[in-house]
């Protein structure tokens, strides 16, 4: 029988206000999707990705990111997109969540060799 393992204390996302840059492979989220649903599906996939990686339910998408997704129309979504996810404190008094994630667009010319980076602000 295996010896009992000690449970590690789970890190709270509340204490960490952090900003990271990610490359999201959009093609795998919209492949096989109906043409008229591709861009909306891409935005939903970005929201889901941000929610999963940053651990917040409240995800806000920058209008510049929305324009970048929709730039080539509803059906020609870019295969990859570079985004900056920034976990911030929610200062509104009536907020249910203490933190929210703000997703912004990072324009890049080439995706080769890019990795996830923590950005110092």
PDB file of N, CA and C in Angstrom:
ATOM      1  N   UNK A   1       0.844  -1.179   0.000  1.00  0.00           N
ATOM      2  CA  UNK A   1       0.000   0.000   0.000  1.00  0.00           C
ATOM      3  C   UNK A   1       0.890   1.244   0.000  1.00  0.00           C
ATOM      4  N   UNK A   2       0.484   2.245  -0.743  1.00  0.00           N
ATOM      5  CA  UNK A   2       1.268   3.473  -0.856  1.00  0.00           C
ATOM      6  C   UNK A   2       1.163   4.293   0.427  1.00  0.00           C
ATOM      7  N   UNK A   3       2.265   4.953   0.793  1.00  0.00           N
ATOM      8  CA  UNK A   3       2.214   5.793   1.997  1.00  0.00           C
ATOM      9  C   UNK A   3       1.314   7.009   1.757  1.00  0.00           C
ATOM     10  N   UNK A   4       0.667   7.478   2.808  1.00  0.00           N
ATOM     11  CA  UNK A   4      -0.232   8.634   2.622  1.00  0.00           C
ATOM     12  C   UNK A   4       0.573   9.865   2.185  1.00  0.00           C
ATOM     13  N   UNK A   5       0.037  10.549   1.207  1.00  0.00           N
ATOM     14  CA  UNK A   5       0.724  11.737   0.709  1.00  0.00           C
ATOM     15  C   UNK A   5       0.163  12.978   1.382  1.00  0.00           C
ATOM     16  N   UNK A   6       1.038  13.959   1.575  1.00  0.00           N
ATOM     17  CA  UNK A   6       0.592  15.209   2.173  1.00  0.00           C
ATOM     18  C   UNK A   6      -0.050  16.075   1.097  1.00  0.00           C
ATOM     19  N   UNK A   7      -1.138  16.689   1.443  1.00  0.00           N
ATOM     20  CA  UNK A   7      -1.810  17.564   0.492  1.00  0.00           C
ATOM     21  C   UNK A   7      -1.141  18.928   0.521  1.00  0.00           C
ATOM     22  N   UNK A   8      -0.789  19.416  -0.685  1.00  0.00           N
ATOM     23  CA  UNK A   8      -0.181  20.736  -0.782  1.00  0.00           C
ATOM     24  C   UNK A   8      -1.278  21.788  -0.759  1.00  0.00           C
ATOM     25  N   UNK A   9      -0.972  22.901  -0.142  1.00  0.00           N
ATOM     26  CA  UNK A   9      -1.929  24.007  -0.109  1.00  0.00           C
ATOM     27  C   UNK A   9      -2.053  24.585  -1.520  1.00  0.00           C
ATOM     28  N   UNK A  10      -3.275  24.665  -2.006  1.00  0.00           N
ATOM     29  CA  UNK A  10      -3.507  25.185  -3.348  1.00  0.00           C
ATOM     30  C   UNK A  10      -3.280  26.698  -3.341  1.00  0.00           C
ATOM     31  N   UNK A  11      -2.535  27.183  -4.338  1.00  0.00           N
ATOM     32  CA  UNK A  11      -2.271  28.614  -4.419  1.00  0.00           C
ATOM     33  C   UNK A  11      -3.559  29.356  -4.754  1.00  0.00           C
ATOM     34  N   UNK A  12      -3.768  30.427  -4.067  1.00  0.00           N
ATOM     35  CA  UNK A  12      -4.949  31.239  -4.319  1.00  0.00           C
ATOM     36  C   UNK A  12      -4.697  32.169  -5.495  1.00  0.00           C
ATOM     37  N   UNK A  13      -5.643  32.213  -6.417  1.00  0.00           N
ATOM     38  CA  UNK A  13      -5.504  33.132  -7.542  1.00  0.00           C
ATOM     39  C   UNK A  13      -5.750  34.565  -7.080  1.00  0.00           C
ATOM     40  N   UNK A  14      -6.341  34.713  -5.904  1.00  0.00           N
ATOM     41  CA  UNK A  14      -6.666  36.028  -5.389  1.00  0.00           C
ATOM     42  C   UNK A  14      -5.428  36.862  -5.120  1.00  0.00           C
ATOM     43  N   UNK A  15      -4.390  36.228  -4.605  1.00  0.00           N
ATOM     44  CA  UNK A  15      -3.194  36.973  -4.212  1.00  0.00           C
ATOM     45  C   UNK A  15      -2.357  37.379  -5.415  1.00  0.00           C
ATOM     46  N   UNK A  16      -2.536  36.685  -6.527  1.00  0.00           N
ATOM     47  CA  UNK A  16      -1.686  36.940  -7.679  1.00  0.00           C
ATOM     48  C   UNK A  16      -2.365  37.830  -8.704  1.00  0.00           C
ATOM     49  N   UNK A  17      -1.815  39.009  -8.862  1.00  0.00           N
ATOM     50  CA  UNK A  17      -2.206  39.869  -9.978  1.00  0.00           C
ATOM     51  C   UNK A  17      -1.055  39.769 -10.954  1.00  0.00           C
ATOM     52  N   UNK A  18      -1.290  39.082 -12.078  1.00  0.00           N
ATOM     53  CA  UNK A  18      -0.201  38.733 -12.978  1.00  0.00           C
ATOM     54  C   UNK A  18      -0.624  38.960 -14.426  1.00  0.00           C
ATOM     55  N   UNK A  19       0.369  39.152 -15.291  1.00  0.00           N
ATOM     56  CA  UNK A  19       0.118  39.333 -16.723  1.00  0.00           C
ATOM     57  C   UNK A  19       1.005  38.373 -17.492  1.00  0.00           C
ATOM     58  N   UNK A  20       0.407  37.608 -18.415  1.00  0.00           N
ATOM     59  CA  UNK A  20       1.167  36.660 -19.231  1.00  0.00           C
ATOM     60  C   UNK A  20       0.761  36.788 -20.690  1.00  0.00           C
ATOM     61  N   UNK A  21       1.693  36.432 -21.574  1.00  0.00           N
ATOM     62  CA  UNK A  21       1.415  36.400 -23.012  1.00  0.00           C
ATOM     63  C   UNK A  21       1.351  34.959 -23.477  1.00  0.00           C
ATOM     64  N   UNK A  22       0.307  34.638 -24.226  1.00  0.00           N
ATOM     65  CA  UNK A  22       0.089  33.291 -24.743  1.00  0.00           C
ATOM     66  C   UNK A  22      -0.143  33.350 -26.250  1.00  0.00           C
ATOM     67  N   UNK A  23       0.178  32.252 -26.919  1.00  0.00           N
ATOM     68  CA  UNK A  23      -0.226  32.066 -28.310  1.00  0.00           C
ATOM     69  C   UNK A  23      -1.354  31.042 -28.304  1.00  0.00           C
ATOM     70  N   UNK A  24      -2.489  31.416 -28.870  1.00  0.00           N
ATOM     71  CA  UNK A  24      -3.639  30.504 -28.924  1.00  0.00           C
ATOM     72  C   UNK A  24      -3.763  29.995 -30.354  1.00  0.00           C
ATOM     73  N   UNK A  25      -3.842  28.680 -30.488  1.00  0.00           N
ATOM     74  CA  UNK A  25      -4.019  28.053 -31.796  1.00  0.00           C
ATOM     75  C   UNK A  25      -5.521  28.044 -32.102  1.00  0.00           C
ATOM     76  N   UNK A  26      -5.954  29.060 -32.835  1.00  0.00           N
ATOM     77  CA  UNK A  26      -7.382  29.232 -33.098  1.00  0.00           C
ATOM     78  C   UNK A  26      -7.926  28.200 -34.079  1.00  0.00           C
ATOM     79  N   UNK A  27      -7.067  27.728 -34.988  1.00  0.00           N
ATOM     80  CA  UNK A  27      -7.546  26.834 -36.041  1.00  0.00           C
ATOM     81  C   UNK A  27      -8.162  25.563 -35.473  1.00  0.00           C
ATOM     82  N   UNK A  28      -7.613  25.054 -34.382  1.00  0.00           N
ATOM     83  CA  UNK A  28      -8.172  23.825 -33.822  1.00  0.00           C
ATOM     84  C   UNK A  28      -9.530  24.048 -33.155  1.00  0.00           C
ATOM     85  N   UNK A  29      -9.851  25.308 -32.842  1.00  0.00           N
ATOM     86  CA  UNK A  29     -11.154  25.609 -32.244  1.00  0.00           C
ATOM     87  C   UNK A  29     -12.232  25.854 -33.298  1.00  0.00           C
ATOM     88  N   UNK A  30     -11.827  26.345 -34.481  1.00  0.00           N
ATOM     89  CA  UNK A  30     -12.830  26.676 -35.504  1.00  0.00           C
ATOM     90  C   UNK A  30     -12.857  25.680 -36.658  1.00  0.00           C
ATOM     91  N   UNK A  31     -11.934  24.720 -36.679  1.00  0.00           N
ATOM     92  CA  UNK A  31     -11.897  23.738 -37.757  1.00  0.00           C
ATOM     93  C   UNK A  31     -13.184  22.916 -37.754  1.00  0.00           C
ATOM     94  N   UNK A  32     -13.818  22.819 -38.906  1.00  0.00           N
ATOM     95  CA  UNK A  32     -15.063  22.055 -39.010  1.00  0.00           C
ATOM     96  C   UNK A  32     -16.289  22.854 -38.618  1.00  0.00           C
ATOM     97  N   UNK A  33     -16.093  24.072 -38.148  1.00  0.00           N
ATOM     98  CA  UNK A  33     -17.206  24.927 -37.744  1.00  0.00           C
ATOM     99  C   UNK A  33     -17.839  25.547 -38.991  1.00  0.00           C
ATOM    100  N   UNK A  34     -19.140  25.740 -38.966  1.00  0.00           N
ATOM    101  CA  UNK A  34     -19.849  26.402 -40.048  1.00  0.00           C
ATOM    102  C   UNK A  34     -19.241  27.788 -40.279  1.00  0.00           C
ATOM    103  N   UNK A  35     -19.108  28.182 -41.545  1.00  0.00           N
ATOM    104  CA  UNK A  35     -18.445  29.441 -41.877  1.00  0.00           C
ATOM    105  C   UNK A  35     -19.035  30.638 -41.138  1.00  0.00           C
ATOM    106  N   UNK A  36     -20.328  30.699 -41.040  1.00  0.00           N
ATOM    107  CA  UNK A  36     -20.970  31.863 -40.425  1.00  0.00           C
ATOM    108  C   UNK A  36     -20.887  31.869 -38.899  1.00  0.00           C
ATOM    109  N   UNK A  37     -20.260  30.840 -38.326  1.00  0.00           N
ATOM    110  CA  UNK A  37     -20.118  30.786 -36.863  1.00  0.00           C
ATOM    111  C   UNK A  37     -18.661  30.826 -36.416  1.00  0.00           C
ATOM    112  N   UNK A  38     -17.726  30.960 -37.364  1.00  0.00           N
ATOM    113  CA  UNK A  38     -16.306  30.850 -37.026  1.00  0.00           C
ATOM    114  C   UNK A  38     -15.794  31.956 -36.109  1.00  0.00           C
ATOM    115  N   UNK A  39     -16.004  33.214 -36.457  1.00  0.00           N
ATOM    116  CA  UNK A  39     -15.498  34.313 -35.628  1.00  0.00           C
ATOM    117  C   UNK A  39     -16.155  34.333 -34.240  1.00  0.00           C
ATOM    118  N   UNK A  40     -17.476  34.167 -34.138  1.00  0.00           N
ATOM    119  CA  UNK A  40     -18.072  34.106 -32.803  1.00  0.00           C
ATOM    120  C   UNK A  40     -17.539  32.934 -31.971  1.00  0.00           C
ATOM    121  N   UNK A  41     -17.297  31.790 -32.625  1.00  0.00           N
ATOM    122  CA  UNK A  41     -16.744  30.635 -31.922  1.00  0.00           C
ATOM    123  C   UNK A  41     -15.326  30.930 -31.443  1.00  0.00           C
ATOM    124  N   UNK A  42     -14.552  31.651 -32.238  1.00  0.00           N
ATOM    125  CA  UNK A  42     -13.188  32.009 -31.863  1.00  0.00           C
ATOM    126  C   UNK A  42     -13.181  32.893 -30.619  1.00  0.00           C
ATOM    127  N   UNK A  43     -14.085  33.856 -30.556  1.00  0.00           N
ATOM    128  CA  UNK A  43     -14.172  34.732 -29.380  1.00  0.00           C
ATOM    129  C   UNK A  43     -14.549  33.921 -28.143  1.00  0.00           C
ATOM    130  N   UNK A  44     -15.492  32.990 -28.303  1.00  0.00           N
ATOM    131  CA  UNK A  44     -15.890  32.137 -27.175  1.00  0.00           C
ATOM    132  C   UNK A  44     -14.733  31.258 -26.728  1.00  0.00           C
ATOM    133  N   UNK A  45     -13.928  30.760 -27.680  1.00  0.00           N
ATOM    134  CA  UNK A  45     -12.773  29.923 -27.349  1.00  0.00           C
ATOM    135  C   UNK A  45     -11.720  30.723 -26.586  1.00  0.00           C
ATOM    136  N   UNK A  46     -11.525  31.983 -26.968  1.00  0.00           N
ATOM    137  CA  UNK A  46     -10.572  32.840 -26.252  1.00  0.00           C
ATOM    138  C   UNK A  46     -11.048  33.078 -24.823  1.00  0.00           C
ATOM    139  N   UNK A  47     -12.341  33.331 -24.663  1.00  0.00           N
ATOM    140  CA  UNK A  47     -12.905  33.522 -23.319  1.00  0.00           C
ATOM    141  C   UNK A  47     -12.712  32.273 -22.456  1.00  0.00           C
ATOM    142  N   UNK A  48     -12.975  31.110 -23.049  1.00  0.00           N
ATOM    143  CA  UNK A  48     -12.842  29.847 -22.325  1.00  0.00           C
ATOM    144  C   UNK A  48     -11.382  29.591 -21.938  1.00  0.00           C
ATOM    145  N   UNK A  49     -10.450  29.875 -22.862  1.00  0.00           N
ATOM    146  CA  UNK A  49      -9.025  29.719 -22.600  1.00  0.00           C
ATOM    147  C   UNK A  49      -8.585  30.615 -21.447  1.00  0.00           C
ATOM    148  N   UNK A  50      -9.023  31.876 -21.471  1.00  0.00           N
ATOM    149  CA  UNK A  50      -8.653  32.832 -20.428  1.00  0.00           C
ATOM    150  C   UNK A  50      -9.226  32.410 -19.078  1.00  0.00           C
ATOM    151  N   UNK A  51     -10.448  31.930 -19.088  1.00  0.00           N
ATOM    152  CA  UNK A  51     -11.094  31.483 -17.850  1.00  0.00           C
ATOM    153  C   UNK A  51     -10.336  30.303 -17.242  1.00  0.00           C
ATOM    154  N   UNK A  52      -9.916  29.373 -18.100  1.00  0.00           N
ATOM    155  CA  UNK A  52      -9.216  28.184 -17.635  1.00  0.00           C
ATOM    156  C   UNK A  52      -7.812  28.505 -17.130  1.00  0.00           C
ATOM    157  N   UNK A  53      -7.065  29.308 -17.874  1.00  0.00           N
ATOM    158  CA  UNK A  53      -5.671  29.555 -17.498  1.00  0.00           C
ATOM    159  C   UNK A  53      -5.527  30.518 -16.327  1.00  0.00           C
ATOM    160  N   UNK A  54      -6.392  31.516 -16.253  1.00  0.00           N
ATOM    161  CA  UNK A  54      -6.273  32.511 -15.184  1.00  0.00           C
ATOM    162  C   UNK A  54      -7.150  32.221 -13.970  1.00  0.00           C
ATOM    163  N   UNK A  55      -8.093  31.322 -14.110  1.00  0.00           N
ATOM    164  CA  UNK A  55      -8.907  30.924 -12.965  1.00  0.00           C
ATOM    165  C   UNK A  55      -9.928  31.958 -12.533  1.00  0.00           C
ATOM    166  N   UNK A  56     -10.404  32.788 -13.455  1.00  0.00           N
ATOM    167  CA  UNK A  56     -11.447  33.766 -13.128  1.00  0.00           C
ATOM    168  C   UNK A  56     -12.649  33.548 -14.038  1.00  0.00           C
ATOM    169  N   UNK A  57     -13.816  33.755 -13.492  1.00  0.00           N
ATOM    170  CA  UNK A  57     -15.035  33.607 -14.284  1.00  0.00           C
ATOM    171  C   UNK A  57     -15.295  34.847 -15.133  1.00  0.00           C
ATOM    172  N   UNK A  58     -14.880  36.000 -14.632  1.00  0.00           N
ATOM    173  CA  UNK A  58     -15.113  37.268 -15.322  1.00  0.00           C
ATOM    174  C   UNK A  58     -13.978  37.519 -16.310  1.00  0.00           C
ATOM    175  N   UNK A  59     -14.275  37.412 -17.621  1.00  0.00           N
ATOM    176  CA  UNK A  59     -13.277  37.624 -18.675  1.00  0.00           C
ATOM    177  C   UNK A  59     -13.763  38.769 -19.554  1.00  0.00           C
ATOM    178  N   UNK A  60     -12.882  39.774 -19.747  1.00  0.00           N
ATOM    179  CA  UNK A  60     -13.228  40.930 -20.570  1.00  0.00           C
ATOM    180  C   UNK A  60     -12.301  40.982 -21.775  1.00  0.00           C
ATOM    181  N   UNK A  61     -12.889  41.096 -22.956  1.00  0.00           N
ATOM    182  CA  UNK A  61     -12.127  41.079 -24.206  1.00  0.00           C
ATOM    183  C   UNK A  61     -11.966  42.514 -24.708  1.00  0.00           C
ATOM    184  N   UNK A  62     -10.720  42.878 -25.028  1.00  0.00           N
ATOM    185  CA  UNK A  62     -10.404  44.199 -25.554  1.00  0.00           C
ATOM    186  C   UNK A  62     -10.998  44.364 -26.960  1.00  0.00           C
ATOM    187  N   UNK A  63     -11.540  45.527 -27.292  1.00  0.00           N
ATOM    188  CA  UNK A  63     -12.078  45.733 -28.638  1.00  0.00           C
ATOM    189  C   UNK A  63     -11.038  45.542 -29.752  1.00  0.00           C
ATOM    190  N   UNK A  64      -9.769  45.812 -29.467  1.00  0.00           N
ATOM    191  CA  UNK A  64      -8.717  45.611 -30.477  1.00  0.00           C
ATOM    192  C   UNK A  64      -8.562  44.129 -30.804  1.00  0.00           C
ATOM    193  N   UNK A  65      -8.714  43.266 -29.808  1.00  0.00           N
ATOM    194  CA  UNK A  65      -8.657  41.815 -30.042  1.00  0.00           C
ATOM    195  C   UNK A  65      -9.855  41.375 -30.874  1.00  0.00           C
ATOM    196  N   UNK A  66     -11.009  41.913 -30.566  1.00  0.00           N
ATOM    197  CA  UNK A  66     -12.222  41.598 -31.323  1.00  0.00           C
ATOM    198  C   UNK A  66     -12.053  42.012 -32.791  1.00  0.00           C
ATOM    199  N   UNK A  67     -11.480  43.194 -33.014  1.00  0.00           N
ATOM    200  CA  UNK A  67     -11.224  43.667 -34.384  1.00  0.00           C
ATOM    201  C   UNK A  67     -10.225  42.773 -35.102  1.00  0.00           C
ATOM    202  N   UNK A  68      -9.202  42.290 -34.385  1.00  0.00           N
ATOM    203  CA  UNK A  68      -8.181  41.426 -34.991  1.00  0.00           C
ATOM    204  C   UNK A  68      -8.791  40.094 -35.430  1.00  0.00           C
ATOM    205  N   UNK A  69      -9.696  39.549 -34.633  1.00  0.00           N
ATOM    206  CA  UNK A  69     -10.358  38.289 -34.993  1.00  0.00           C
ATOM    207  C   UNK A  69     -11.270  38.494 -36.204  1.00  0.00           C
ATOM    208  N   UNK A  70     -12.015  39.591 -36.211  1.00  0.00           N
ATOM    209  CA  UNK A  70     -12.996  39.855 -37.254  1.00  0.00           C
ATOM    210  C   UNK A  70     -12.409  40.558 -38.477  1.00  0.00           C
ATOM    211  N   UNK A  71     -11.098  40.886 -38.481  1.00  0.00           N
ATOM    212  CA  UNK A  71     -10.487  41.690 -39.550  1.00  0.00           C
ATOM    213  C   UNK A  71     -10.648  41.064 -40.932  1.00  0.00           C
ATOM    214  N   UNK A  72     -10.573  39.752 -41.014  1.00  0.00           N
ATOM    215  CA  UNK A  72     -10.665  39.078 -42.317  1.00  0.00           C
ATOM    216  C   UNK A  72     -12.067  38.518 -42.576  1.00  0.00           C
ATOM    217  N   UNK A  73     -13.019  38.954 -41.780  1.00  0.00           N
ATOM    218  CA  UNK A  73     -14.395  38.518 -41.983  1.00  0.00           C
ATOM    219  C   UNK A  73     -14.809  37.440 -40.999  1.00  0.00           C
ATOM    220  N   UNK A  74     -16.040  36.993 -41.134  1.00  0.00           N
ATOM    221  CA  UNK A  74     -16.600  36.030 -40.192  1.00  0.00           C
ATOM    222  C   UNK A  74     -16.021  34.631 -40.393  1.00  0.00           C
ATOM    223  N   UNK A  75     -15.618  34.314 -41.625  1.00  0.00           N
ATOM    224  CA  UNK A  75     -15.211  32.936 -41.882  1.00  0.00           C
ATOM    225  C   UNK A  75     -13.709  32.711 -41.989  1.00  0.00           C
ATOM    226  N   UNK A  76     -12.906  33.780 -42.093  1.00  0.00           N
ATOM    227  CA  UNK A  76     -11.458  33.617 -42.236  1.00  0.00           C
ATOM    228  C   UNK A  76     -10.743  34.041 -40.957  1.00  0.00           C
ATOM    229  N   UNK A  77     -10.901  33.271 -39.911  1.00  0.00           N
ATOM    230  CA  UNK A  77     -10.274  33.557 -38.622  1.00  0.00           C
ATOM    231  C   UNK A  77      -8.781  33.218 -38.718  1.00  0.00           C
ATOM    232  N   UNK A  78      -7.894  34.030 -38.138  1.00  0.00           N
ATOM    233  CA  UNK A  78      -6.463  33.708 -38.160  1.00  0.00           C
ATOM    234  C   UNK A  78      -6.182  32.354 -37.499  1.00  0.00           C
ATOM    235  N   UNK A  79      -5.196  31.628 -38.019  1.00  0.00           N
ATOM    236  CA  UNK A  79      -4.890  30.301 -37.471  1.00  0.00           C
ATOM    237  C   UNK A  79      -4.343  30.387 -36.054  1.00  0.00           C
ATOM    238  N   UNK A  80      -3.524  31.394 -35.812  1.00  0.00           N
ATOM    239  CA  UNK A  80      -2.982  31.590 -34.472  1.00  0.00           C
ATOM    240  C   UNK A  80      -3.133  33.054 -34.102  1.00  0.00           C
ATOM    241  N   UNK A  81      -3.177  33.310 -32.782  1.00  0.00           N
ATOM    242  CA  UNK A  81      -3.261  34.691 -32.324  1.00  0.00           C
ATOM    243  C   UNK A  81      -2.507  34.806 -31.001  1.00  0.00           C
ATOM    244  N   UNK A  82      -1.776  35.891 -30.845  1.00  0.00           N
ATOM    245  CA  UNK A  82      -1.004  36.141 -29.623  1.00  0.00           C
ATOM    246  C   UNK A  82      -1.811  37.078 -28.738  1.00  0.00           C
ATOM    247  N   UNK A  83      -2.026  36.679 -27.492  1.00  0.00           N
ATOM    248  CA  UNK A  83      -2.834  37.481 -26.571  1.00  0.00           C
ATOM    249  C   UNK A  83      -2.084  37.701 -25.263  1.00  0.00           C
ATOM    250  N   UNK A  84      -2.423  38.792 -24.610  1.00  0.00           N
ATOM    251  CA  UNK A  84      -1.883  39.098 -23.282  1.00  0.00           C
ATOM    252  C   UNK A  84      -3.029  38.985 -22.294  1.00  0.00           C
ATOM    253  N   UNK A  85      -2.909  38.041 -21.350  1.00  0.00           N
ATOM    254  CA  UNK A  85      -3.929  37.846 -20.327  1.00  0.00           C
ATOM    255  C   UNK A  85      -3.452  38.519 -19.050  1.00  0.00           C
ATOM    256  N   UNK A  86      -4.273  39.401 -18.543  1.00  0.00           N
ATOM    257  CA  UNK A  86      -3.896  40.175 -17.379  1.00  0.00           C
ATOM    258  C   UNK A  86      -4.961  39.997 -16.301  1.00  0.00           C
ATOM    259  N   UNK A  87      -4.553  39.379 -15.189  1.00  0.00           N
ATOM    260  CA  UNK A  87      -5.478  39.174 -14.071  1.00  0.00           C
ATOM    261  C   UNK A  87      -5.423  40.417 -13.200  1.00  0.00           C
ATOM    262  N   UNK A  88      -6.581  41.048 -12.991  1.00  0.00           N
ATOM    263  CA  UNK A  88      -6.636  42.316 -12.267  1.00  0.00           C
ATOM    264  C   UNK A  88      -7.654  42.261 -11.146  1.00  0.00           C
ATOM    265  N   UNK A  89      -7.491  43.170 -10.206  1.00  0.00           N
ATOM    266  CA  UNK A  89      -8.451  43.278  -9.101  1.00  0.00           C
ATOM    267  C   UNK A  89      -9.699  44.009  -9.579  1.00  0.00           C
ATOM    268  N   UNK A  90     -10.837  43.552  -9.098  1.00  0.00           N
ATOM    269  CA  UNK A  90     -12.116  44.163  -9.440  1.00  0.00           C
ATOM    270  C   UNK A  90     -12.464  45.171  -8.355  1.00  0.00           C
ATOM    271  N   UNK A  91     -12.489  46.461  -8.708  1.00  0.00           N
ATOM    272  CA  UNK A  91     -12.691  47.512  -7.711  1.00  0.00           C
ATOM    273  C   UNK A  91     -14.158  47.890  -7.502  1.00  0.00           C
ATOM    274  N   UNK A  92     -15.050  47.330  -8.293  1.00  0.00           N
ATOM    275  CA  UNK A  92     -16.474  47.657  -8.134  1.00  0.00           C
ATOM    276  C   UNK A  92     -17.008  47.089  -6.824  1.00  0.00           C
ATOM    277  N   UNK A  93     -17.846  47.859  -6.139  1.00  0.00           N
ATOM    278  CA  UNK A  93     -18.368  47.430  -4.838  1.00  0.00           C
ATOM    279  C   UNK A  93     -19.317  46.237  -4.960  1.00  0.00           C
ATOM    280  N   UNK A  94     -20.127  46.228  -6.032  1.00  0.00           N
ATOM    281  CA  UNK A  94     -21.141  45.189  -6.185  1.00  0.00           C
ATOM    282  C   UNK A  94     -20.640  43.983  -6.981  1.00  0.00           C
ATOM    283  N   UNK A  95     -19.316  43.836  -7.111  1.00  0.00           N
ATOM    284  CA  UNK A  95     -18.742  42.746  -7.908  1.00  0.00           C
ATOM    285  C   UNK A  95     -18.850  41.421  -7.158  1.00  0.00           C
ATOM    286  N   UNK A  96     -19.243  40.374  -7.884  1.00  0.00           N
ATOM    287  CA  UNK A  96     -19.315  39.045  -7.265  1.00  0.00           C
ATOM    288  C   UNK A  96     -17.939  38.391  -7.245  1.00  0.00           C
ATOM    289  N   UNK A  97     -17.126  38.668  -8.274  1.00  0.00           N
ATOM    290  CA  UNK A  97     -15.766  38.124  -8.351  1.00  0.00           C
ATOM    291  C   UNK A  97     -14.779  39.193  -7.874  1.00  0.00           C
ATOM    292  N   UNK A  98     -13.746  38.765  -7.157  1.00  0.00           N
ATOM    293  CA  UNK A  98     -12.738  39.709  -6.676  1.00  0.00           C
ATOM    294  C   UNK A  98     -11.710  40.052  -7.755  1.00  0.00           C
ATOM    295  N   UNK A  99     -11.551  39.146  -8.725  1.00  0.00           N
ATOM    296  CA  UNK A  99     -10.595  39.353  -9.812  1.00  0.00           C
ATOM    297  C   UNK A  99     -11.291  39.193 -11.156  1.00  0.00           C
ATOM    298  N   UNK A 100     -10.718  39.818 -12.176  1.00  0.00           N
ATOM    299  CA  UNK A 100     -11.187  39.596 -13.537  1.00  0.00           C
ATOM    300  C   UNK A 100      -9.978  39.487 -14.448  1.00  0.00           C
ATOM    301  N   UNK A 101     -10.184  38.903 -15.631  1.00  0.00           N
ATOM    302  CA  UNK A 101      -9.116  38.761 -16.621  1.00  0.00           C
ATOM    303  C   UNK A 101      -9.412  39.674 -17.796  1.00  0.00           C
ATOM    304  N   UNK A 102      -8.394  40.458 -18.168  1.00  0.00           N
ATOM    305  CA  UNK A 102      -8.515  41.350 -19.317  1.00  0.00           C
ATOM    306  C   UNK A 102      -7.638  40.799 -20.423  1.00  0.00           C
ATOM    307  N   UNK A 103      -8.244  40.521 -21.590  1.00  0.00           N
ATOM    308  CA  UNK A 103      -7.537  39.899 -22.705  1.00  0.00           C
ATOM    309  C   UNK A 103      -7.289  40.946 -23.781  1.00  0.00           C
ATOM    310  N   UNK A 104      -6.003  41.154 -24.138  1.00  0.00           N
ATOM    311  CA  UNK A 104      -5.653  42.125 -25.169  1.00  0.00           C
ATOM    312  C   UNK A 104      -4.885  41.440 -26.288  1.00  0.00           C
ATOM    313  N   UNK A 105      -4.868  42.088 -27.435  1.00  0.00           N
ATOM    314  CA  UNK A 105      -4.210  41.570 -28.631  1.00  0.00           C
ATOM    315  C   UNK A 105      -2.755  42.030 -28.668  1.00  0.00           C
ATOM    316  N   UNK A 106      -1.843  41.100 -29.016  1.00  0.00           N
ATOM    317  CA  UNK A 106      -0.429  41.431 -29.193  1.00  0.00           C
ATOM    318  C   UNK A 106      -0.070  41.142 -30.648  1.00  0.00           C
ATOM    319  N   UNK A 107       0.168  42.186 -31.459  1.00  0.00           N
ATOM    320  CA  UNK A 107       0.499  41.933 -32.871  1.00  0.00           C
ATOM    321  C   UNK A 107       1.919  41.378 -33.012  1.00  0.00           C
ATOM    322  N   UNK A 108       2.065  40.258 -33.725  1.00  0.00           N
ATOM    323  CA  UNK A 108       3.371  39.667 -34.012  1.00  0.00           C
ATOM    324  C   UNK A 108       3.431  39.324 -35.495  1.00  0.00           C
ATOM    325  N   UNK A 109       4.649  39.309 -36.041  1.00  0.00           N
ATOM    326  CA  UNK A 109       4.803  38.979 -37.455  1.00  0.00           C
ATOM    327  C   UNK A 109       4.987  37.489 -37.651  1.00  0.00           C
ATOM    328  N   UNK A 110       5.622  36.813 -36.667  1.00  0.00           N
ATOM    329  CA  UNK A 110       5.944  35.399 -36.807  1.00  0.00           C
ATOM    330  C   UNK A 110       5.717  34.704 -35.466  1.00  0.00           C
ATOM    331  N   UNK A 111       5.137  33.520 -35.487  1.00  0.00           N
ATOM    332  CA  UNK A 111       4.847  32.792 -34.262  1.00  0.00           C
ATOM    333  C   UNK A 111       5.923  31.774 -33.914  1.00  0.00           C
ATOM    334  N   UNK A 112       6.940  31.635 -34.767  1.00  0.00           N
ATOM    335  CA  UNK A 112       7.983  30.633 -34.556  1.00  0.00           C
ATOM    336  C   UNK A 112       8.780  30.939 -33.288  1.00  0.00           C
ATOM    337  N   UNK A 113       8.900  29.941 -32.434  1.00  0.00           N
ATOM    338  CA  UNK A 113       9.736  30.063 -31.243  1.00  0.00           C
ATOM    339  C   UNK A 113       9.140  30.856 -30.095  1.00  0.00           C
ATOM    340  N   UNK A 114       7.915  31.342 -30.238  1.00  0.00           N
ATOM    341  CA  UNK A 114       7.295  32.100 -29.150  1.00  0.00           C
ATOM    342  C   UNK A 114       6.800  31.156 -28.070  1.00  0.00           C
ATOM    343  N   UNK A 115       7.034  31.529 -26.827  1.00  0.00           N
ATOM    344  CA  UNK A 115       6.558  30.740 -25.704  1.00  0.00           C
ATOM    345  C   UNK A 115       5.794  31.642 -24.756  1.00  0.00           C
ATOM    346  N   UNK A 116       5.159  31.021 -23.767  1.00  0.00           N
ATOM    347  CA  UNK A 116       4.427  31.777 -22.774  1.00  0.00           C
ATOM    348  C   UNK A 116       5.415  32.614 -21.962  1.00  0.00           C
ATOM    349  N   UNK A 117       5.115  33.906 -21.826  1.00  0.00           N
ATOM    350  CA  UNK A 117       5.992  34.808 -21.081  1.00  0.00           C
ATOM    351  C   UNK A 117       5.197  35.522 -20.012  1.00  0.00           C
ATOM    352  N   UNK A 118       5.822  35.713 -18.844  1.00  0.00           N
ATOM    353  CA  UNK A 118       5.239  36.538 -17.807  1.00  0.00           C
ATOM    354  C   UNK A 118       5.709  37.958 -18.039  1.00  0.00           C
ATOM    355  N   UNK A 119       4.785  38.886 -18.099  1.00  0.00           N
ATOM    356  CA  UNK A 119       5.103  40.280 -18.401  1.00  0.00           C
ATOM    357  C   UNK A 119       5.143  41.064 -17.099  1.00  0.00           C
ATOM    358  N   UNK A 120       6.208  41.816 -16.909  1.00  0.00           N
ATOM    359  CA  UNK A 120       6.317  42.680 -15.729  1.00  0.00           C
ATOM    360  C   UNK A 120       5.696  44.039 -16.062  1.00  0.00           C
ATOM    361  N   UNK A 121       4.837  44.508 -15.194  1.00  0.00           N
ATOM    362  CA  UNK A 121       4.190  45.814 -15.434  1.00  0.00           C
ATOM    363  C   UNK A 121       4.691  46.856 -14.469  1.00  0.00           C
TER     364      UNK A 121
END
